[in-house]
C-alpha atoms as a PDB file:
ATOM      1  CA  MET A   1      -4.034  15.523   0.750  1.00  0.00           C
ATOM      2  CA  ALA A   2      -5.735  18.952   0.124  1.00  0.00           C
ATOM      3  CA  LEU A   3      -5.523  18.275  -3.646  1.00  0.00           C
ATOM      4  CA  TYR A   4      -6.954  14.818  -3.357  1.00  0.00           C
ATOM      5  CA  HIS A   5      -9.848  16.046  -1.210  1.00  0.00           C
ATOM      6  CA  ARG A   6     -10.658  18.690  -3.502  1.00  0.00           C
ATOM      7  CA  TRP A   7     -10.573  16.387  -6.530  1.00  0.00           C
ATOM      8  CA  ALA A   8     -12.833  13.850  -4.902  1.00  0.00           C
ATOM      9  CA  SER A   9     -15.193  16.508  -3.764  1.00  0.00           C
ATOM     10  CA  LEU A  10     -15.434  18.160  -7.224  1.00  0.00           C
ATOM     11  CA  LEU A  11     -15.961  14.756  -9.036  1.00  0.00           C
ATOM     12  CA  GLY A  12     -18.545  13.743  -6.569  1.00  0.00           C
ATOM     13  CA  ALA A  13     -20.318  16.968  -7.122  1.00  0.00           C
ATOM     14  CA  GLY A  14     -20.566  16.452 -10.713  1.00  0.00           C
ATOM     15  CA  LYS A  15     -18.029  19.314 -11.585  1.00  0.00           C
ATOM     16  CA  LEU A  16     -16.124  17.148 -13.832  1.00  0.00           C
ATOM     17  CA  SER A  17     -14.445  19.946 -15.701  1.00  0.00           C
ATOM     18  CA  ASP A  18     -13.024  21.375 -12.493  1.00  0.00           C
ATOM     19  CA  ALA A  19     -11.915  17.865 -11.435  1.00  0.00           C
ATOM     20  CA  ALA A  20     -10.327  17.514 -14.752  1.00  0.00           C
ATOM     21  CA  ALA A  21      -8.209  20.617 -14.419  1.00  0.00           C
ATOM     22  CA  ILE A  22      -6.526  19.378 -11.350  1.00  0.00           C
ATOM     23  CA  SER A  23      -5.912  15.920 -12.933  1.00  0.00           C
ATOM     24  CA  ALA A  24      -2.880  14.477 -14.578  1.00  0.00           C
ATOM     25  CA  PRO A  25      -3.061  14.273 -18.444  1.00  0.00           C
ATOM     26  CA  GLU A  26      -4.176  10.735 -18.738  1.00  0.00           C
ATOM     27  CA  LEU A  27      -6.909  11.015 -16.158  1.00  0.00           C
ATOM     28  CA  ARG A  28      -7.777  14.474 -17.548  1.00  0.00           C
ATOM     29  CA  GLY A  29      -8.446  12.808 -20.895  1.00  0.00           C
ATOM     30  CA  GLN A  30     -10.542  10.049 -19.336  1.00  0.00           C
ATOM     31  CA  ILE A  31     -12.723  12.474 -17.528  1.00  0.00           C
ATOM     32  CA  ALA A  32     -13.047  14.558 -20.742  1.00  0.00           C
ATOM     33  CA  ASP A  33     -14.243  11.698 -22.717  1.00  0.00           C
ATOM     34  CA  THR A  34     -16.863  10.699 -20.077  1.00  0.00           C
ATOM     35  CA  MET A  35     -18.159  14.375 -20.229  1.00  0.00           C
ATOM     36  CA  LYS A  36     -19.162  13.838 -23.794  1.00  0.00           C
ATOM     37  CA  ASN A  37     -22.119  11.671 -22.668  1.00  0.00           C
ATOM     38  CA  LYS A  38     -24.339  13.073 -19.944  1.00  0.00           C
ATOM     39  CA  ASP A  39     -25.437   9.643 -18.598  1.00  0.00           C
ATOM     40  CA  ALA A  40     -21.864   8.480 -18.312  1.00  0.00           C
ATOM     41  CA  ALA A  41     -20.842  11.735 -16.674  1.00  0.00           C
ATOM     42  CA  ASP A  42     -23.670  11.390 -14.051  1.00  0.00           C
ATOM     43  CA  GLN A  43     -22.619   7.711 -13.503  1.00  0.00           C
ATOM     44  CA  LEU A  44     -19.073   8.768 -12.905  1.00  0.00           C
ATOM     45  CA  ALA A  45     -20.116  11.604 -10.423  1.00  0.00           C
ATOM     46  CA  ALA A  46     -22.193   9.062  -8.555  1.00  0.00           C
ATOM     47  CA  MET A  47     -19.703   6.394  -8.397  1.00  0.00           C
ATOM     48  CA  ALA A  48     -17.017   8.957  -7.189  1.00  0.00           C
ATOM     49  CA  LYS A  49     -19.368  10.085  -4.508  1.00  0.00           C
ATOM     50  CA  ALA A  50     -20.094   6.595  -3.340  1.00  0.00           C
ATOM     51  CA  MET A  51     -16.438   5.608  -3.347  1.00  0.00           C
ATOM     52  CA  THR A  52     -15.087   8.566  -1.447  1.00  0.00           C
ATOM     53  CA  PRO A  53     -14.297   7.514   2.089  1.00  0.00           C
ATOM     54  CA  ASP A  54     -15.646   9.265   5.060  1.00  0.00           C
ATOM     55  CA  THR A  55     -12.206   9.876   6.464  1.00  0.00           C
ATOM     56  CA  VAL A  56      -8.717   9.459   5.029  1.00  0.00           C
ATOM     57  CA  GLU A  57      -5.683   9.330   7.291  1.00  0.00           C
ATOM     58  CA  PRO A  58      -2.186   9.514   5.787  1.00  0.00           C
ATOM     59  CA  LYS A  59       0.235   6.966   7.107  1.00  0.00           C
ATOM     60  CA  TYR A  60       3.271   7.301   4.724  1.00  0.00           C
ATOM     61  CA  ALA A  61       4.435   9.454   1.845  1.00  0.00           C
ATOM     62  CA  ILE A  62       7.146   8.877  -0.811  1.00  0.00           C
ATOM     63  CA  LEU A  63       8.657  11.586  -3.126  1.00  0.00           C
ATOM     64  CA  SER A  64      10.580  10.537  -6.232  1.00  0.00           C
ATOM     65  CA  LYS A  65      14.194  11.534  -6.402  1.00  0.00           C
ATOM     66  CA  ASP A  66      13.378  14.120  -9.106  1.00  0.00           C
ATOM     67  CA  GLY A  67      10.592  15.533  -7.274  1.00  0.00           C
ATOM     68  CA  LYS A  68       8.008  14.837  -9.863  1.00  0.00           C
ATOM     69  CA  GLN A  69       6.092  12.045  -8.532  1.00  0.00           C
ATOM     70  CA  ALA A  70       4.495  11.546  -5.141  1.00  0.00           C
ATOM     71  CA  LEU A  71       2.727   8.801  -3.366  1.00  0.00           C
ATOM     72  CA  ILE A  72       0.642   8.922  -0.161  1.00  0.00           C
ATOM     73  CA  ILE A  73      -0.469   5.720   1.480  1.00  0.00           C
ATOM     74  CA  ALA A  74      -3.454   6.278   3.806  1.00  0.00           C
ATOM     75  CA  LEU A  75      -5.999   4.462   5.860  1.00  0.00           C
ATOM     76  CA  SER A  76      -9.627   5.025   4.540  1.00  0.00           C
ATOM     77  CA  THR A  77     -12.515   4.638   6.764  1.00  0.00           C
ATOM     78  CA  SER A  78     -16.230   4.466   5.582  1.00  0.00           C
ATOM     79  CA  LYS A  79     -19.661   3.533   7.104  1.00  0.00           C
ATOM     80  CA  VAL A  80     -21.660   1.329   4.736  1.00  0.00           C
ATOM     81  CA  PRO A  81     -25.044   2.860   3.991  1.00  0.00           C
ATOM     82  CA  LEU A  82     -27.910   1.277   5.745  1.00  0.00           C
ATOM     83  CA  ASP A  83     -29.806   0.872   2.359  1.00  0.00           C
ATOM     84  CA  ALA A  84     -26.649  -0.638   0.628  1.00  0.00           C
ATOM     85  CA  LYS A  85     -27.252  -3.692  -1.511  1.00  0.00           C
ATOM     86  CA  LEU A  86     -24.250  -5.904  -1.168  1.00  0.00           C
ATOM     87  CA  PRO A  87     -23.532  -9.648  -1.668  1.00  0.00           C
ATOM     88  CA  PRO A  88     -24.044 -12.089   1.234  1.00  0.00           C
ATOM     89  CA  ASP A  89     -20.406 -12.177   2.053  1.00  0.00           C
ATOM     90  CA  GLY A  90     -19.988  -8.399   1.871  1.00  0.00           C
ATOM     91  CA  PRO A  91     -19.865  -5.910   4.884  1.00  0.00           C
ATOM     92  CA  LYS A  92     -23.246  -5.461   6.688  1.00  0.00           C
ATOM     93  CA  PRO A  93     -25.151  -2.175   6.269  1.00  0.00           C
ATOM     94  CA  GLY A  94     -24.236   0.164   8.823  1.00  0.00           C
ATOM     95  CA  SER A  95     -20.841  -1.436   9.624  1.00  0.00           C
ATOM     96  CA  ILE A  96     -17.495   0.527   9.416  1.00  0.00           C
ATOM     97  CA  VAL A  97     -14.838  -0.775   6.826  1.00  0.00           C
ATOM     98  CA  GLN A  98     -11.252   0.312   6.584  1.00  0.00           C
ATOM     99  CA  GLY A  99      -8.936  -0.204   3.579  1.00  0.00           C
ATOM    100  CA  GLU A 100      -5.579   0.945   2.459  1.00  0.00           C
ATOM    101  CA  LEU A 101      -5.744   3.852  -0.075  1.00  0.00           C
ATOM    102  CA  THR A 102      -2.738   4.736  -2.345  1.00  0.00           C
ATOM    103  CA  LEU A 103      -2.770   8.182  -3.841  1.00  0.00           C
ATOM    104  CA  LYS A 104      -0.630   9.116  -6.720  1.00  0.00           C
ATOM    105  CA  PHE A 105       0.339  12.503  -7.842  1.00  0.00           C
ATOM    106  CA  GLU A 106       2.611  14.082 -10.400  1.00  0.00           C
ATOM    107  CA  ARG A 107       4.064  17.560 -10.996  1.00  0.00           C
ATOM    108  CA  GLU A 108       2.946  19.374 -14.101  1.00  0.00           C
ATOM    109  CA  GLY A 109       5.119  22.502 -14.503  1.00  0.00           C
ATOM    110  CA  THR A 110       4.964  24.094 -10.941  1.00  0.00           C
ATOM    111  CA  GLU A 111       1.622  22.606  -9.936  1.00  0.00           C
ATOM    112  CA  TRP A 112       0.823  19.117  -8.564  1.00  0.00           C
ATOM    113  CA  LYS A 113      -1.899  17.147 -10.369  1.00  0.00           C
ATOM    114  CA  PHE A 114      -3.801  14.158  -9.196  1.00  0.00           C
ATOM    115  CA  VAL A 115      -3.060  10.815 -11.017  1.00  0.00           C
ATOM    116  CA  GLU A 116      -5.010   7.901  -9.503  1.00  0.00           C
ATOM    117  CA  GLN A 117      -6.361   6.262  -6.348  1.00  0.00           C
ATOM    118  CA  ASP A 118      -5.943   2.513  -5.726  1.00  0.00           C
ATOM    119  CA  PHE A 119      -7.952   0.681  -2.980  1.00  0.00           C
ATOM    120  CA  GLY A 120      -6.314  -2.071  -1.096  1.00  0.00           C
ATOM    121  CA  PRO A 121      -7.209  -4.427   1.751  1.00  0.00           C
ATOM    122  CA  GLY A 122      -7.633  -2.936   5.281  1.00  0.00           C
ATOM    123  CA  PRO A 123      -6.037  -4.120   8.591  1.00  0.00           C
ATOM    124  CA  ALA A 124      -8.714  -6.487   9.298  1.00  0.00           C
ATOM    125  CA  ASP A 125      -8.247  -8.316   5.987  1.00  0.00           C
ATOM    126  CA  ILE A 126      -4.460  -8.940   6.251  1.00  0.00           C
ATOM    127  CA  LYS A 127      -3.269 -12.240   7.337  1.00  0.00           C
ATOM    128  CA  ALA A 128      -0.516 -11.618   9.883  1.00  0.00           C
ATOM    129  CA  CYS A 129       2.596 -13.607  10.242  1.00  0.00           C
ATOM    130  CA  HIS A 130       4.091 -14.704  13.596  1.00  0.00           C
ATOM    131  CA  ASP A 131       7.592 -14.596  14.807  1.00  0.00           C
ATOM    132  CA  ASP A 132       9.224 -17.133  17.224  1.00  0.00           C
ATOM    133  CA  ALA A 133      10.799 -15.639  20.319  1.00  0.00           C
ATOM    134  CA  THR A 134      13.956 -17.271  19.405  1.00  0.00           C
ATOM    135  CA  GLU A 135      14.759 -18.165  15.856  1.00  0.00           C
ATOM    136  CA  THR A 136      17.310 -20.771  14.878  1.00  0.00           C
ATOM    137  CA  LEU A 137      18.283 -22.010  11.474  1.00  0.00           C
ATOM    138  CA  GLY A 138      17.339 -25.555  12.490  1.00  0.00           C
ATOM    139  CA  SER A 139      13.612 -24.386  12.188  1.00  0.00           C
ATOM    140  CA  TYR A 140      14.210 -23.990   8.432  1.00  0.00           C
ATOM    141  CA  ASP A 141      14.559 -26.327   5.474  1.00  0.00           C
ATOM    142  CA  LYS A 142      18.071 -25.715   4.050  1.00  0.00           C
ATOM    143  CA  GLY A 143      17.356 -28.300   1.394  1.00  0.00           C
ATOM    144  CA  GLN A 144      14.986 -26.042  -0.353  1.00  0.00           C
ATOM    145  CA  SER A 145      15.402 -22.465  -1.700  1.00  0.00           C
ATOM    146  CA  GLN A 146      12.792 -19.752  -1.516  1.00  0.00           C
ATOM    147  CA  ASN A 147      12.595 -16.442  -3.189  1.00  0.00           C
ATOM    148  CA  ALA A 148      10.122 -13.776  -1.890  1.00  0.00           C
ATOM    149  CA  GLY A 149       9.745  -9.999  -1.524  1.00  0.00           C
ATOM    150  CA  GLY A 150       7.416  -7.118  -1.319  1.00  0.00           C
ATOM    151  CA  PRO A 151       7.024  -3.806   0.529  1.00  0.00           C
ATOM    152  CA  ILE A 152       8.274  -3.744   4.119  1.00  0.00           C
ATOM    153  CA  VAL A 153       5.543  -3.323   6.708  1.00  0.00           C
ATOM    154  CA  ARG A 154       7.547  -3.170   9.899  1.00  0.00           C
ATOM    155  CA  VAL A 155      11.069  -4.021  11.207  1.00  0.00           C
ATOM    156  CA  GLU A 156      11.954  -5.311  14.798  1.00  0.00           C
ATOM    157  CA  PHE A 157      15.596  -5.482  15.860  1.00  0.00           C
ATOM    158  CA  LYS A 158      15.731  -8.349  18.431  1.00  0.00           C
ATOM    159  CA  PRO A 159      18.496  -9.848  20.508  1.00  0.00           C
ATOM    160  CA  ASP A 160      19.101 -12.826  18.281  1.00  0.00           C
ATOM    161  CA  HIS A 161      17.862 -11.625  14.978  1.00  0.00           C
ATOM    162  CA  THR A 162      16.233  -8.822  12.946  1.00  0.00           C
ATOM    163  CA  LEU A 163      12.564  -9.431  12.092  1.00  0.00           C
ATOM    164  CA  VAL A 164      11.462  -7.865   8.702  1.00  0.00           C
ATOM    165  CA  VAL A 165       7.753  -8.181   7.901  1.00  0.00           C
ATOM    166  CA  PHE A 166       6.831  -7.603   4.255  1.00  0.00           C
ATOM    167  CA  ARG A 167       3.528  -7.981   2.655  1.00  0.00           C
ATOM    168  CA  VAL A 168       2.255  -9.785  -0.507  1.00  0.00           C
ATOM    169  CA  VAL A 169      -1.207  -8.661  -1.436  1.00  0.00           C
ATOM    170  CA  ASP A 170      -3.191  -9.403   1.749  1.00  0.00           C
ATOM    171  CA  GLU A 171      -0.682 -11.642   3.365  1.00  0.00           C
ATOM    172  CA  GLU A 172       2.289 -10.653   5.719  1.00  0.00           C
ATOM    173  CA  ASN A 173       5.530 -12.670   5.537  1.00  0.00           C
ATOM    174  CA  CYS A 174       8.221 -12.793   8.388  1.00  0.00           C
ATOM    175  CA  ALA A 175      11.766 -12.725   7.162  1.00  0.00           C
ATOM    176  CA  ILE A 176      14.512 -13.560   9.595  1.00  0.00           C
ATOM    177  CA  LEU A 177      17.686 -11.472   9.067  1.00  0.00           C
ATOM    178  CA  PRO A 178      20.885 -11.254  11.112  1.00  0.00           C
ATOM    179  CA  THR A 179      20.936  -8.949  14.186  1.00  0.00           C
ATOM    180  CA  ARG A 180      21.312  -5.182  13.819  1.00  0.00           C
ATOM    181  CA  GLU A 181      24.975  -5.502  14.940  1.00  0.00           C
ATOM    182  CA  GLN A 182      25.797  -8.290  12.337  1.00  0.00           C
ATOM    183  CA  LEU A 183      24.148  -6.329   9.568  1.00  0.00           C
ATOM    184  CA  THR A 184      26.055  -3.258  10.312  1.00  0.00           C
ATOM    185  CA  LYS A 185      29.303  -5.204  10.799  1.00  0.00           C
ATOM    186  CA  ASN A 186      28.744  -6.709   7.237  1.00  0.00           C
ATOM    187  CA  GLY A 187      28.474  -3.014   5.840  1.00  0.00           C
ATOM    188  CA  PHE A 188      24.609  -3.013   5.354  1.00  0.00           C
ATOM    189  CA  ASP A 189      22.996   0.336   6.220  1.00  0.00           C
ATOM    190  CA  VAL A 190      20.099  -0.644   8.445  1.00  0.00           C
ATOM    191  CA  SER A 191      18.443   2.641   7.867  1.00  0.00           C
ATOM    192  CA  LEU A 192      17.285   1.268   4.516  1.00  0.00           C
ATOM    193  CA  LEU A 193      14.805  -1.161   6.234  1.00  0.00           C
ATOM    194  CA  THR A 194      12.024   1.357   6.297  1.00  0.00           C
ATOM    195  CA  PRO A 195       8.224   0.861   5.701  1.00  0.00           C
ATOM    196  CA  TYR A 196       7.135   0.550   2.136  1.00  0.00           C
ATOM    197  CA  THR A 197      10.638   0.001   0.928  1.00  0.00           C
ATOM    198  CA  LEU A 198      10.768  -3.045  -1.436  1.00  0.00           C
ATOM    199  CA  ILE A 199      12.903  -5.944  -0.272  1.00  0.00           C
ATOM    200  CA  GLU A 200      13.862  -9.069  -2.125  1.00  0.00           C
ATOM    201  CA  ILE A 201      14.949 -12.264  -0.346  1.00  0.00           C
ATOM    202  CA  ASP A 202      16.556 -15.514  -1.155  1.00  0.00           C
ATOM    203  CA  GLY A 203      16.509 -18.011   1.637  1.00  0.00           C
ATOM    204  CA  TYR A 204      15.047 -21.170   3.277  1.00  0.00           C
ATOM    205  CA  PRO A 205      11.331 -21.857   4.031  1.00  0.00           C
ATOM    206  CA  SER A 206      10.151 -22.554   7.455  1.00  0.00           C
ATOM    207  CA  LYS A 207       9.501 -26.275   8.292  1.00  0.00           C
ATOM    208  CA  THR A 208       6.280 -25.429   9.847  1.00  0.00           C
ATOM    209  CA  ASP A 209       5.027 -21.949   8.761  1.00  0.00           C
ATOM    210  CA  LYS A 210       4.639 -20.949   5.090  1.00  0.00           C
ATOM    211  CA  GLN A 211       4.709 -17.265   6.171  1.00  0.00           C
ATOM    212  CA  ARG A 212       8.324 -17.311   7.499  1.00  0.00           C
ATOM    213  CA  ILE A 213      11.552 -17.428   5.572  1.00  0.00           C
ATOM    214  CA  TRP A 214      15.108 -17.429   6.774  1.00  0.00           C
ATOM    215  CA  ALA A 215      17.063 -14.897   4.653  1.00  0.00           C
ATOM    216  CA  ASP A 216      20.287 -16.147   3.198  1.00  0.00           C
ATOM    217  CA  LYS A 217      20.620 -13.210   0.838  1.00  0.00           C
ATOM    218  CA  PHE A 218      18.610 -10.083   0.360  1.00  0.00           C
ATOM    219  CA  HIS A 219      18.665  -6.729  -1.093  1.00  0.00           C
ATOM    220  CA  ILE A 220      16.712  -3.465  -1.074  1.00  0.00           C
ATOM    221  CA  VAL A 221      15.036  -2.406  -4.353  1.00  0.00           C
ATOM    222  CA  GLN A 222      16.025   1.074  -5.145  1.00  0.00           C
ATOM    223  CA  ASP A 223      13.268   2.952  -6.643  1.00  0.00           C
ATOM    224  CA  ASP A 224      13.737   6.398  -8.478  1.00  0.00           C
END
């Protein structure tokens, strides 16, 4: 996080060569190309300053098995400037907006370098899914097959089923799996059901709710 804050601060202050020095090769080259034109360099600095959130709160981190790549998923918070000129359907000037911020890093020799930042929807923009208190297979259409998947948001082990909530862009989906005891009995390691792990599911769609699926088969996507 210190590396990201330093990178954003340098870029926003117009110190592009310093920001490039702590960037990964591809990003370093992009910044170097921009520096060849003063107007383009000034525009990049202004854009970086405007896009830098007021606060960034890390929520989850992932390190690759070889220790050469890292990912930090954070919640960004910013106050919309009072003089901001935004479209009618955009946030109001002075309002507080939140979003998901994914920060990517890679190791270059013995040093970490910044790769890129991706902005995603905030909590208020996510369409939540809903879980019935008691789930039965009769609530699902066994005459249809459905394939779905995405990063896990949360997991709840309930008396009669396991709820796995995964997200596709800005929409949550509720997957109904067997109970923790049944999963363990079948040889599945329930510790794999962790946030931001990718899950793929084959199952049956709900008869009444397109955001629910009964899992017939599922697997965790192992990421290096």
